[in-house]
Amino acid sequence: MPHLIMEYSNSVDERVNTQRLLEDLHHAAIQSGLFDAPSLKSRSLRYHDWLVGEEADSVDFIHVTFELLDGRSAEQKRELSRQLMSVLQQQANHVRSLTINIRDMDRECCQKVVN
């Protein structure tokens, strides 16, 4: 039930192939071996309005949130973060702000229905 969400400023579209980046992040996450590949859902959100500090919208960004069910060690999550950041840096090193956040989902509170 992991979710990879790539958020980015619309200025990134001019210099990065965002579809390819999303696909490469998706594959890097699968290669981590932390979950079953068919359960991973990846998507991107492009923002037209954003502010960063006092520089407002002159700072472009890519932020990846990765949510997965709890139970992985801190080292496993750090390694996943490193692998994802490696992909980001390879394809978007000219983007001013690259960030990743790995979040645990509480197994007892998550629900899933597959039809």
PDB file of N, CA and C in Angstrom:
ATOM      1  N   MET A   1       0.812  -1.200   0.000  1.00  0.00           N
ATOM      2  CA  MET A   1       0.000   0.000   0.000  1.00  0.00           C
ATOM      3  C   MET A   1       0.855   1.263   0.000  1.00  0.00           C
ATOM      4  N   PRO A   2       2.085   1.209  -0.438  1.00  0.00           N
ATOM      5  CA  PRO A   2       2.912   2.419  -0.441  1.00  0.00           C
ATOM      6  C   PRO A   2       2.447   3.419  -1.505  1.00  0.00           C
ATOM      7  N   HIS A   3       2.665   4.684  -1.185  1.00  0.00           N
ATOM      8  CA  HIS A   3       2.314   5.782  -2.089  1.00  0.00           C
ATOM      9  C   HIS A   3       3.523   6.685  -2.263  1.00  0.00           C
ATOM     10  N   LEU A   4       3.877   6.966  -3.507  1.00  0.00           N
ATOM     11  CA  LEU A   4       4.926   7.921  -3.831  1.00  0.00           C
ATOM     12  C   LEU A   4       4.241   9.118  -4.480  1.00  0.00           C
ATOM     13  N   ILE A   5       4.408  10.287  -3.858  1.00  0.00           N
ATOM     14  CA  ILE A   5       3.804  11.513  -4.383  1.00  0.00           C
ATOM     15  C   ILE A   5       4.922  12.496  -4.678  1.00  0.00           C
ATOM     16  N   MET A   6       5.071  12.858  -5.946  1.00  0.00           N
ATOM     17  CA  MET A   6       6.083  13.822  -6.345  1.00  0.00           C
ATOM     18  C   MET A   6       5.393  15.156  -6.605  1.00  0.00           C
ATOM     19  N   GLU A   7       5.708  16.149  -5.797  1.00  0.00           N
ATOM     20  CA  GLU A   7       5.166  17.489  -5.975  1.00  0.00           C
ATOM     21  C   GLU A   7       6.260  18.368  -6.566  1.00  0.00           C
ATOM     22  N   TYR A   8       5.878  19.268  -7.476  1.00  0.00           N
ATOM     23  CA  TYR A   8       6.905  20.108  -8.079  1.00  0.00           C
ATOM     24  C   TYR A   8       6.313  21.428  -8.578  1.00  0.00           C
ATOM     25  N   SER A   9       7.169  22.433  -8.613  1.00  0.00           N
ATOM     26  CA  SER A   9       6.762  23.739  -9.139  1.00  0.00           C
ATOM     27  C   SER A   9       6.677  23.667 -10.657  1.00  0.00           C
ATOM     28  N   ASN A  10       5.754  24.416 -11.227  1.00  0.00           N
ATOM     29  CA  ASN A  10       5.555  24.318 -12.674  1.00  0.00           C
ATOM     30  C   ASN A  10       6.793  24.735 -13.466  1.00  0.00           C
ATOM     31  N   SER A  11       7.681  25.493 -12.858  1.00  0.00           N
ATOM     32  CA  SER A  11       8.927  25.877 -13.537  1.00  0.00           C
ATOM     33  C   SER A  11       9.837  24.674 -13.792  1.00  0.00           C
ATOM     34  N   VAL A  12       9.651  23.609 -13.052  1.00  0.00           N
ATOM     35  CA  VAL A  12      10.457  22.397 -13.231  1.00  0.00           C
ATOM     36  C   VAL A  12      10.161  21.752 -14.580  1.00  0.00           C
ATOM     37  N   ASP A  13       8.910  21.855 -15.034  1.00  0.00           N
ATOM     38  CA  ASP A  13       8.509  21.251 -16.314  1.00  0.00           C
ATOM     39  C   ASP A  13       9.363  21.709 -17.486  1.00  0.00           C
ATOM     40  N   GLU A  14       9.896  22.898 -17.400  1.00  0.00           N
ATOM     41  CA  GLU A  14      10.687  23.450 -18.494  1.00  0.00           C
ATOM     42  C   GLU A  14      12.051  22.776 -18.624  1.00  0.00           C
ATOM     43  N   ARG A  15      12.521  22.151 -17.527  1.00  0.00           N
ATOM     44  CA  ARG A  15      13.891  21.631 -17.527  1.00  0.00           C
ATOM     45  C   ARG A  15      14.022  20.160 -17.163  1.00  0.00           C
ATOM     46  N   VAL A  16      12.930  19.540 -16.748  1.00  0.00           N
ATOM     47  CA  VAL A  16      12.975  18.138 -16.321  1.00  0.00           C
ATOM     48  C   VAL A  16      11.835  17.382 -16.997  1.00  0.00           C
ATOM     49  N   ASN A  17      12.134  16.191 -17.455  1.00  0.00           N
ATOM     50  CA  ASN A  17      11.091  15.311 -17.974  1.00  0.00           C
ATOM     51  C   ASN A  17      10.417  14.683 -16.752  1.00  0.00           C
ATOM     52  N   THR A  18       9.341  15.307 -16.290  1.00  0.00           N
ATOM     53  CA  THR A  18       8.729  14.892 -15.030  1.00  0.00           C
ATOM     54  C   THR A  18       8.100  13.506 -15.104  1.00  0.00           C
ATOM     55  N   GLN A  19       7.579  13.114 -16.248  1.00  0.00           N
ATOM     56  CA  GLN A  19       7.026  11.762 -16.386  1.00  0.00           C
ATOM     57  C   GLN A  19       8.122  10.723 -16.240  1.00  0.00           C
ATOM     58  N   ARG A  20       9.240  10.945 -16.899  1.00  0.00           N
ATOM     59  CA  ARG A  20      10.368  10.011 -16.784  1.00  0.00           C
ATOM     60  C   ARG A  20      10.900   9.983 -15.360  1.00  0.00           C
ATOM     61  N   LEU A  21      10.991  11.150 -14.725  1.00  0.00           N
ATOM     62  CA  LEU A  21      11.463  11.205 -13.344  1.00  0.00           C
ATOM     63  C   LEU A  21      10.537  10.398 -12.437  1.00  0.00           C
ATOM     64  N   LEU A  22       9.226  10.580 -12.600  1.00  0.00           N
ATOM     65  CA  LEU A  22       8.264   9.819 -11.794  1.00  0.00           C
ATOM     66  C   LEU A  22       8.444   8.319 -12.019  1.00  0.00           C
ATOM     67  N   GLU A  23       8.605   7.912 -13.266  1.00  0.00           N
ATOM     68  CA  GLU A  23       8.797   6.492 -13.575  1.00  0.00           C
ATOM     69  C   GLU A  23      10.080   5.956 -12.937  1.00  0.00           C
ATOM     70  N   ASP A  24      11.148   6.734 -12.993  1.00  0.00           N
ATOM     71  CA  ASP A  24      12.422   6.292 -12.427  1.00  0.00           C
ATOM     72  C   ASP A  24      12.360   6.230 -10.899  1.00  0.00           C
ATOM     73  N   LEU A  25      11.665   7.173 -10.274  1.00  0.00           N
ATOM     74  CA  LEU A  25      11.465   7.116  -8.828  1.00  0.00           C
ATOM     75  C   LEU A  25      10.650   5.876  -8.459  1.00  0.00           C
ATOM     76  N   HIS A  26       9.616   5.613  -9.238  1.00  0.00           N
ATOM     77  CA  HIS A  26       8.755   4.446  -9.030  1.00  0.00           C
ATOM     78  C   HIS A  26       9.590   3.154  -9.081  1.00  0.00           C
ATOM     79  N   HIS A  27      10.439   3.033 -10.096  1.00  0.00           N
ATOM     80  CA  HIS A  27      11.262   1.830 -10.249  1.00  0.00           C
ATOM     81  C   HIS A  27      12.316   1.723  -9.150  1.00  0.00           C
ATOM     82  N   ALA A  28      12.884   2.846  -8.733  1.00  0.00           N
ATOM     83  CA  ALA A  28      13.858   2.819  -7.635  1.00  0.00           C
ATOM     84  C   ALA A  28      13.198   2.345  -6.351  1.00  0.00           C
ATOM     85  N   ALA A  29      11.970   2.789  -6.125  1.00  0.00           N
ATOM     86  CA  ALA A  29      11.237   2.353  -4.927  1.00  0.00           C
ATOM     87  C   ALA A  29      10.966   0.854  -4.980  1.00  0.00           C
ATOM     88  N   ILE A  30      10.576   0.353  -6.146  1.00  0.00           N
ATOM     89  CA  ILE A  30      10.335  -1.085  -6.297  1.00  0.00           C
ATOM     90  C   ILE A  30      11.614  -1.866  -6.017  1.00  0.00           C
ATOM     91  N   GLN A  31      12.734  -1.376  -6.532  1.00  0.00           N
ATOM     92  CA  GLN A  31      14.006  -2.071  -6.354  1.00  0.00           C
ATOM     93  C   GLN A  31      14.465  -2.096  -4.902  1.00  0.00           C
ATOM     94  N   SER A  32      13.881  -1.267  -4.044  1.00  0.00           N
ATOM     95  CA  SER A  32      14.263  -1.268  -2.632  1.00  0.00           C
ATOM     96  C   SER A  32      13.917  -2.591  -1.964  1.00  0.00           C
ATOM     97  N   GLY A  33      12.908  -3.295  -2.493  1.00  0.00           N
ATOM     98  CA  GLY A  33      12.506  -4.570  -1.931  1.00  0.00           C
ATOM     99  C   GLY A  33      11.742  -4.467  -0.621  1.00  0.00           C
ATOM    100  N   LEU A  34      11.263  -3.285  -0.279  1.00  0.00           N
ATOM    101  CA  LEU A  34      10.571  -3.083   0.995  1.00  0.00           C
ATOM    102  C   LEU A  34       9.085  -3.419   0.952  1.00  0.00           C
ATOM    103  N   PHE A  35       8.556  -3.738  -0.232  1.00  0.00           N
ATOM    104  CA  PHE A  35       7.129  -4.015  -0.381  1.00  0.00           C
ATOM    105  C   PHE A  35       6.914  -4.743  -1.694  1.00  0.00           C
ATOM    106  N   ASP A  36       5.711  -5.247  -1.893  1.00  0.00           N
ATOM    107  CA  ASP A  36       5.375  -5.913  -3.145  1.00  0.00           C
ATOM    108  C   ASP A  36       5.183  -4.876  -4.243  1.00  0.00           C
ATOM    109  N   ALA A  37       5.822  -5.072  -5.360  1.00  0.00           N
ATOM    110  CA  ALA A  37       5.774  -4.110  -6.469  1.00  0.00           C
ATOM    111  C   ALA A  37       4.353  -3.735  -6.894  1.00  0.00           C
ATOM    112  N   PRO A  38       3.415  -4.686  -7.023  1.00  0.00           N
ATOM    113  CA  PRO A  38       2.071  -4.309  -7.486  1.00  0.00           C
ATOM    114  C   PRO A  38       1.320  -3.371  -6.542  1.00  0.00           C
ATOM    115  N   SER A  39       1.786  -3.250  -5.313  1.00  0.00           N
ATOM    116  CA  SER A  39       1.073  -2.400  -4.353  1.00  0.00           C
ATOM    117  C   SER A  39       1.492  -0.930  -4.423  1.00  0.00           C
ATOM    118  N   LEU A  40       2.577  -0.613  -5.107  1.00  0.00           N
ATOM    119  CA  LEU A  40       3.068   0.769  -5.172  1.00  0.00           C
ATOM    120  C   LEU A  40       2.226   1.620  -6.112  1.00  0.00           C
ATOM    121  N   LYS A  41       1.792   2.772  -5.621  1.00  0.00           N
ATOM    122  CA  LYS A  41       1.069   3.755  -6.430  1.00  0.00           C
ATOM    123  C   LYS A  41       1.887   5.038  -6.451  1.00  0.00           C
ATOM    124  N   SER A  42       2.211   5.531  -7.639  1.00  0.00           N
ATOM    125  CA  SER A  42       2.999   6.759  -7.778  1.00  0.00           C
ATOM    126  C   SER A  42       2.231   7.776  -8.590  1.00  0.00           C
ATOM    127  N   ARG A  43       2.358   9.029  -8.212  1.00  0.00           N
ATOM    128  CA  ARG A  43       1.676  10.099  -8.928  1.00  0.00           C
ATOM    129  C   ARG A  43       2.431  11.400  -8.717  1.00  0.00           C
ATOM    130  N   SER A  44       2.126  12.369  -9.565  1.00  0.00           N
ATOM    131  CA  SER A  44       2.775  13.670  -9.429  1.00  0.00           C
ATOM    132  C   SER A  44       1.728  14.775  -9.374  1.00  0.00           C
ATOM    133  N   LEU A  45       2.113  15.831  -8.698  1.00  0.00           N
ATOM    134  CA  LEU A  45       1.261  17.016  -8.576  1.00  0.00           C
ATOM    135  C   LEU A  45       2.085  18.231  -8.968  1.00  0.00           C
ATOM    136  N   ARG A  46       1.618  18.951  -9.949  1.00  0.00           N
ATOM    137  CA  ARG A  46       2.292  20.158 -10.429  1.00  0.00           C
ATOM    138  C   ARG A  46       1.617  21.367  -9.784  1.00  0.00           C
ATOM    139  N   TYR A  47       2.426  22.254  -9.219  1.00  0.00           N
ATOM    140  CA  TYR A  47       1.893  23.442  -8.551  1.00  0.00           C
ATOM    141  C   TYR A  47       2.153  24.690  -9.386  1.00  0.00           C
ATOM    142  N   HIS A  48       1.110  25.488  -9.510  1.00  0.00           N
ATOM    143  CA  HIS A  48       1.217  26.753 -10.224  1.00  0.00           C
ATOM    144  C   HIS A  48       1.460  27.914  -9.272  1.00  0.00           C
ATOM    145  N   ASP A  49       1.133  27.729  -8.029  1.00  0.00           N
ATOM    146  CA  ASP A  49       1.306  28.763  -7.013  1.00  0.00           C
ATOM    147  C   ASP A  49       2.074  28.180  -5.840  1.00  0.00           C
ATOM    148  N   TRP A  50       3.158  28.824  -5.428  1.00  0.00           N
ATOM    149  CA  TRP A  50       3.959  28.376  -4.294  1.00  0.00           C
ATOM    150  C   TRP A  50       4.799  29.542  -3.802  1.00  0.00           C
ATOM    151  N   LEU A  51       5.244  29.423  -2.575  1.00  0.00           N
ATOM    152  CA  LEU A  51       6.135  30.406  -1.966  1.00  0.00           C
ATOM    153  C   LEU A  51       7.227  29.649  -1.225  1.00  0.00           C
ATOM    154  N   VAL A  52       8.462  30.135  -1.328  1.00  0.00           N
ATOM    155  CA  VAL A  52       9.580  29.563  -0.588  1.00  0.00           C
ATOM    156  C   VAL A  52      10.300  30.711   0.105  1.00  0.00           C
ATOM    157  N   GLY A  53      10.251  30.719   1.419  1.00  0.00           N
ATOM    158  CA  GLY A  53      10.934  31.757   2.185  1.00  0.00           C
ATOM    159  C   GLY A  53      10.587  33.152   1.694  1.00  0.00           C
ATOM    160  N   GLU A  54      11.578  34.002   1.622  1.00  0.00           N
ATOM    161  CA  GLU A  54      11.372  35.364   1.149  1.00  0.00           C
ATOM    162  C   GLU A  54      11.599  35.501  -0.349  1.00  0.00           C
ATOM    163  N   GLU A  55      11.945  34.386  -1.008  1.00  0.00           N
ATOM    164  CA  GLU A  55      12.192  34.421  -2.450  1.00  0.00           C
ATOM    165  C   GLU A  55      10.943  34.072  -3.254  1.00  0.00           C
ATOM    166  N   ALA A  56       9.863  33.835  -2.543  1.00  0.00           N
ATOM    167  CA  ALA A  56       8.550  33.583  -3.166  1.00  0.00           C
ATOM    168  C   ALA A  56       8.633  32.456  -4.187  1.00  0.00           C
ATOM    169  N   ASP A  57       8.139  32.717  -5.418  1.00  0.00           N
ATOM    170  CA  ASP A  57       8.083  31.659  -6.421  1.00  0.00           C
ATOM    171  C   ASP A  57       9.289  31.644  -7.358  1.00  0.00           C
ATOM    172  N   SER A  58      10.367  32.327  -6.969  1.00  0.00           N
ATOM    173  CA  SER A  58      11.573  32.291  -7.805  1.00  0.00           C
ATOM    174  C   SER A  58      12.419  31.051  -7.518  1.00  0.00           C
ATOM    175  N   VAL A  59      12.060  30.301  -6.502  1.00  0.00           N
ATOM    176  CA  VAL A  59      12.775  29.070  -6.148  1.00  0.00           C
ATOM    177  C   VAL A  59      11.958  27.879  -6.639  1.00  0.00           C
ATOM    178  N   ASP A  60      12.537  27.103  -7.542  1.00  0.00           N
ATOM    179  CA  ASP A  60      11.817  25.915  -7.997  1.00  0.00           C
ATOM    180  C   ASP A  60      12.106  24.754  -7.050  1.00  0.00           C
ATOM    181  N   PHE A  61      11.213  23.766  -7.038  1.00  0.00           N
ATOM    182  CA  PHE A  61      11.356  22.667  -6.088  1.00  0.00           C
ATOM    183  C   PHE A  61      10.758  21.376  -6.633  1.00  0.00           C
ATOM    184  N   ILE A  62      11.262  20.283  -6.073  1.00  0.00           N
ATOM    185  CA  ILE A  62      10.636  18.962  -6.193  1.00  0.00           C
ATOM    186  C   ILE A  62      10.642  18.379  -4.793  1.00  0.00           C
ATOM    187  N   HIS A  63       9.486  17.953  -4.342  1.00  0.00           N
ATOM    188  CA  HIS A  63       9.374  17.302  -3.031  1.00  0.00           C
ATOM    189  C   HIS A  63       8.693  15.954  -3.217  1.00  0.00           C
ATOM    190  N   VAL A  64       9.325  14.913  -2.693  1.00  0.00           N
ATOM    191  CA  VAL A  64       8.765  13.570  -2.767  1.00  0.00           C
ATOM    192  C   VAL A  64       8.329  13.146  -1.372  1.00  0.00           C
ATOM    193  N   THR A  65       7.072  12.763  -1.268  1.00  0.00           N
ATOM    194  CA  THR A  65       6.560  12.150  -0.049  1.00  0.00           C
ATOM    195  C   THR A  65       6.363  10.680  -0.349  1.00  0.00           C
ATOM    196  N   PHE A  66       6.881   9.831   0.515  1.00  0.00           N
ATOM    197  CA  PHE A  66       6.725   8.393   0.344  1.00  0.00           C
ATOM    198  C   PHE A  66       6.066   7.858   1.608  1.00  0.00           C
ATOM    199  N   GLU A  67       4.858   7.333   1.450  1.00  0.00           N
ATOM    200  CA  GLU A  67       4.113   6.784   2.574  1.00  0.00           C
ATOM    201  C   GLU A  67       4.081   5.267   2.460  1.00  0.00           C
ATOM    202  N   LEU A  68       4.424   4.580   3.549  1.00  0.00           N
ATOM    203  CA  LEU A  68       4.374   3.136   3.546  1.00  0.00           C
ATOM    204  C   LEU A  68       3.937   2.641   4.920  1.00  0.00           C
ATOM    205  N   LEU A  69       3.399   1.442   4.942  1.00  0.00           N
ATOM    206  CA  LEU A  69       2.937   0.885   6.206  1.00  0.00           C
ATOM    207  C   LEU A  69       4.088   0.788   7.195  1.00  0.00           C
ATOM    208  N   ASP A  70       3.789   1.060   8.458  1.00  0.00           N
ATOM    209  CA  ASP A  70       4.827   1.014   9.482  1.00  0.00           C
ATOM    210  C   ASP A  70       5.401  -0.394   9.606  1.00  0.00           C
ATOM    211  N   GLY A  71       6.559  -0.491  10.223  1.00  0.00           N
ATOM    212  CA  GLY A  71       7.198  -1.788  10.411  1.00  0.00           C
ATOM    213  C   GLY A  71       8.586  -1.870   9.813  1.00  0.00           C
ATOM    214  N   ARG A  72       8.983  -0.878   9.027  1.00  0.00           N
ATOM    215  CA  ARG A  72      10.343  -0.868   8.475  1.00  0.00           C
ATOM    216  C   ARG A  72      11.261  -0.163   9.464  1.00  0.00           C
ATOM    217  N   SER A  73      12.515  -0.567   9.462  1.00  0.00           N
ATOM    218  CA  SER A  73      13.487   0.054  10.370  1.00  0.00           C
ATOM    219  C   SER A  73      13.851   1.445   9.863  1.00  0.00           C
ATOM    220  N   ALA A  74      14.420   2.239  10.768  1.00  0.00           N
ATOM    221  CA  ALA A  74      14.879   3.576  10.382  1.00  0.00           C
ATOM    222  C   ALA A  74      15.933   3.470   9.283  1.00  0.00           C
ATOM    223  N   GLU A  75      16.810   2.480   9.366  1.00  0.00           N
ATOM    224  CA  GLU A  75      17.844   2.321   8.343  1.00  0.00           C
ATOM    225  C   GLU A  75      17.235   1.962   6.984  1.00  0.00           C
ATOM    226  N   GLN A  76      16.213   1.129   6.954  1.00  0.00           N
ATOM    227  CA  GLN A  76      15.551   0.799   5.689  1.00  0.00           C
ATOM    228  C   GLN A  76      14.931   2.053   5.074  1.00  0.00           C
ATOM    229  N   LYS A  77      14.319   2.876   5.895  1.00  0.00           N
ATOM    230  CA  LYS A  77      13.698   4.107   5.375  1.00  0.00           C
ATOM    231  C   LYS A  77      14.755   5.116   4.939  1.00  0.00           C
ATOM    232  N   ARG A  78      15.872   5.199   5.677  1.00  0.00           N
ATOM    233  CA  ARG A  78      16.965   6.091   5.262  1.00  0.00           C
ATOM    234  C   ARG A  78      17.528   5.650   3.912  1.00  0.00           C
ATOM    235  N   GLU A  79      17.697   4.335   3.736  1.00  0.00           N
ATOM    236  CA  GLU A  79      18.231   3.827   2.469  1.00  0.00           C
ATOM    237  C   GLU A  79      17.269   4.101   1.321  1.00  0.00           C
ATOM    238  N   LEU A  80      15.977   3.929   1.547  1.00  0.00           N
ATOM    239  CA  LEU A  80      14.987   4.266   0.529  1.00  0.00           C
ATOM    240  C   LEU A  80      15.086   5.749   0.173  1.00  0.00           C
ATOM    241  N   SER A  81      15.200   6.593   1.172  1.00  0.00           N
ATOM    242  CA  SER A  81      15.335   8.030   0.942  1.00  0.00           C
ATOM    243  C   SER A  81      16.592   8.335   0.129  1.00  0.00           C
ATOM    244  N   ARG A  82      17.699   7.685   0.456  1.00  0.00           N
ATOM    245  CA  ARG A  82      18.953   7.885  -0.289  1.00  0.00           C
ATOM    246  C   ARG A  82      18.798   7.453  -1.749  1.00  0.00           C
ATOM    247  N   GLN A  83      18.143   6.314  -1.974  1.00  0.00           N
ATOM    248  CA  GLN A  83      17.958   5.821  -3.343  1.00  0.00           C
ATOM    249  C   GLN A  83      17.096   6.782  -4.160  1.00  0.00           C
ATOM    250  N   LEU A  84      16.035   7.282  -3.547  1.00  0.00           N
ATOM    251  CA  LEU A  84      15.167   8.235  -4.248  1.00  0.00           C
ATOM    252  C   LEU A  84      15.900   9.550  -4.515  1.00  0.00           C
ATOM    253  N   MET A  85      16.676  10.020  -3.537  1.00  0.00           N
ATOM    254  CA  MET A  85      17.421  11.266  -3.729  1.00  0.00           C
ATOM    255  C   MET A  85      18.461  11.111  -4.830  1.00  0.00           C
ATOM    256  N   SER A  86      19.044   9.944  -4.947  1.00  0.00           N
ATOM    257  CA  SER A  86      20.011   9.706  -6.018  1.00  0.00           C
ATOM    258  C   SER A  86      19.361   9.908  -7.385  1.00  0.00           C
ATOM    259  N   VAL A  87      18.161   9.388  -7.547  1.00  0.00           N
ATOM    260  CA  VAL A  87      17.425   9.570  -8.810  1.00  0.00           C
ATOM    261  C   VAL A  87      17.129  11.053  -9.026  1.00  0.00           C
ATOM    262  N   LEU A  88      16.663  11.728  -7.986  1.00  0.00           N
ATOM    263  CA  LEU A  88      16.368  13.167  -8.107  1.00  0.00           C
ATOM    264  C   LEU A  88      17.607  13.945  -8.532  1.00  0.00           C
ATOM    265  N   GLN A  89      18.729  13.677  -7.885  1.00  0.00           N
ATOM    266  CA  GLN A  89      19.940  14.430  -8.201  1.00  0.00           C
ATOM    267  C   GLN A  89      20.452  14.131  -9.604  1.00  0.00           C
ATOM    268  N   GLN A  90      20.293  12.900 -10.061  1.00  0.00           N
ATOM    269  CA  GLN A  90      20.739  12.556 -11.406  1.00  0.00           C
ATOM    270  C   GLN A  90      19.949  13.305 -12.467  1.00  0.00           C
ATOM    271  N   GLN A  91      18.660  13.489 -12.244  1.00  0.00           N
ATOM    272  CA  GLN A  91      17.806  14.066 -13.281  1.00  0.00           C
ATOM    273  C   GLN A  91      17.435  15.524 -13.058  1.00  0.00           C
ATOM    274  N   ALA A  92      17.602  16.010 -11.833  1.00  0.00           N
ATOM    275  CA  ALA A  92      17.118  17.368 -11.534  1.00  0.00           C
ATOM    276  C   ALA A  92      18.084  18.136 -10.638  1.00  0.00           C
ATOM    277  N   ASN A  93      19.374  17.914 -10.812  1.00  0.00           N
ATOM    278  CA  ASN A  93      20.336  18.578  -9.935  1.00  0.00           C
ATOM    279  C   ASN A  93      20.345  20.095 -10.081  1.00  0.00           C
ATOM    280  N   HIS A  94      19.786  20.612 -11.142  1.00  0.00           N
ATOM    281  CA  HIS A  94      19.710  22.051 -11.363  1.00  0.00           C
ATOM    282  C   HIS A  94      18.467  22.678 -10.714  1.00  0.00           C
ATOM    283  N   VAL A  95      17.587  21.848 -10.161  1.00  0.00           N
ATOM    284  CA  VAL A  95      16.418  22.364  -9.430  1.00  0.00           C
ATOM    285  C   VAL A  95      16.911  22.784  -8.058  1.00  0.00           C
ATOM    286  N   ARG A  96      16.501  23.964  -7.629  1.00  0.00           N
ATOM    287  CA  ARG A  96      17.059  24.581  -6.419  1.00  0.00           C
ATOM    288  C   ARG A  96      16.797  23.781  -5.147  1.00  0.00           C
ATOM    289  N   SER A  97      15.600  23.234  -4.984  1.00  0.00           N
ATOM    290  CA  SER A  97      15.254  22.536  -3.750  1.00  0.00           C
ATOM    291  C   SER A  97      14.741  21.133  -4.065  1.00  0.00           C
ATOM    292  N   LEU A  98      15.471  20.126  -3.595  1.00  0.00           N
ATOM    293  CA  LEU A  98      15.077  18.728  -3.740  1.00  0.00           C
ATOM    294  C   LEU A  98      14.916  18.161  -2.333  1.00  0.00           C
ATOM    295  N   THR A  99      13.738  17.655  -2.007  1.00  0.00           N
ATOM    296  CA  THR A  99      13.494  17.135  -0.671  1.00  0.00           C
ATOM    297  C   THR A  99      12.685  15.843  -0.731  1.00  0.00           C
ATOM    298  N   ILE A 100      12.871  15.018   0.290  1.00  0.00           N
ATOM    299  CA  ILE A 100      12.165  13.745   0.401  1.00  0.00           C
ATOM    300  C   ILE A 100      11.731  13.564   1.848  1.00  0.00           C
ATOM    301  N   ASN A 101      10.529  13.058   2.037  1.00  0.00           N
ATOM    302  CA  ASN A 101      10.038  12.724   3.368  1.00  0.00           C
ATOM    303  C   ASN A 101       9.425  11.333   3.317  1.00  0.00           C
ATOM    304  N   ILE A 102       9.917  10.443   4.151  1.00  0.00           N
ATOM    305  CA  ILE A 102       9.373   9.088   4.260  1.00  0.00           C
ATOM    306  C   ILE A 102       8.444   9.087   5.472  1.00  0.00           C
ATOM    307  N   ARG A 103       7.216   8.652   5.272  1.00  0.00           N
ATOM    308  CA  ARG A 103       6.226   8.646   6.348  1.00  0.00           C
ATOM    309  C   ARG A 103       5.683   7.244   6.570  1.00  0.00           C
ATOM    310  N   ASP A 104       5.475   6.912   7.834  1.00  0.00           N
ATOM    311  CA  ASP A 104       4.827   5.653   8.185  1.00  0.00           C
ATOM    312  C   ASP A 104       3.320   5.837   8.229  1.00  0.00           C
ATOM    313  N   MET A 105       2.596   4.841   7.711  1.00  0.00           N
ATOM    314  CA  MET A 105       1.147   4.780   7.858  1.00  0.00           C
ATOM    315  C   MET A 105       0.855   3.754   8.953  1.00  0.00           C
ATOM    316  N   ASP A 106      -0.029   4.072   9.838  1.00  0.00           N
ATOM    317  CA  ASP A 106      -0.399   3.196  10.940  1.00  0.00           C
ATOM    318  C   ASP A 106      -1.223   2.026  10.406  1.00  0.00           C
ATOM    319  N   ARG A 107      -0.711   0.812  10.510  1.00  0.00           N
ATOM    320  CA  ARG A 107      -1.386  -0.378   9.998  1.00  0.00           C
ATOM    321  C   ARG A 107      -2.785  -0.544  10.575  1.00  0.00           C
ATOM    322  N   GLU A 108      -2.955  -0.194  11.832  1.00  0.00           N
ATOM    323  CA  GLU A 108      -4.241  -0.386  12.482  1.00  0.00           C
ATOM    324  C   GLU A 108      -5.307   0.596  12.001  1.00  0.00           C
ATOM    325  N   CYS A 109      -4.866   1.697  11.402  1.00  0.00           N
ATOM    326  CA  CYS A 109      -5.817   2.723  10.967  1.00  0.00           C
ATOM    327  C   CYS A 109      -6.019   2.754   9.454  1.00  0.00           C
ATOM    328  N   CYS A 110      -5.145   2.113   8.703  1.00  0.00           N
ATOM    329  CA  CYS A 110      -5.255   2.132   7.245  1.00  0.00           C
ATOM    330  C   CYS A 110      -6.293   1.103   6.792  1.00  0.00           C
ATOM    331  N   GLN A 111      -6.987   1.456   5.741  1.00  0.00           N
ATOM    332  CA  GLN A 111      -7.944   0.545   5.141  1.00  0.00           C
ATOM    333  C   GLN A 111      -7.723   0.526   3.644  1.00  0.00           C
ATOM    334  N   LYS A 112      -8.012  -0.614   3.046  1.00  0.00           N
ATOM    335  CA  LYS A 112      -7.823  -0.753   1.609  1.00  0.00           C
ATOM    336  C   LYS A 112      -8.912  -1.667   1.065  1.00  0.00           C
ATOM    337  N   VAL A 113      -9.495  -1.278  -0.057  1.00  0.00           N
ATOM    338  CA  VAL A 113     -10.465  -2.097  -0.748  1.00  0.00           C
ATOM    339  C   VAL A 113     -10.002  -2.238  -2.185  1.00  0.00           C
ATOM    340  N   VAL A 114      -9.887  -3.458  -2.654  1.00  0.00           N
ATOM    341  CA  VAL A 114      -9.504  -3.716  -4.036  1.00  0.00           C
ATOM    342  C   VAL A 114     -10.631  -4.511  -4.672  1.00  0.00           C
ATOM    343  N   ASN A 115     -11.206  -3.962  -5.710  1.00  0.00           N
ATOM    344  CA  ASN A 115     -12.315  -4.642  -6.408  1.00  0.00           C
ATOM    345  C   ASN A 115     -11.813  -5.318  -7.662  1.00  0.00           C
TER     346      ASN A 115
END
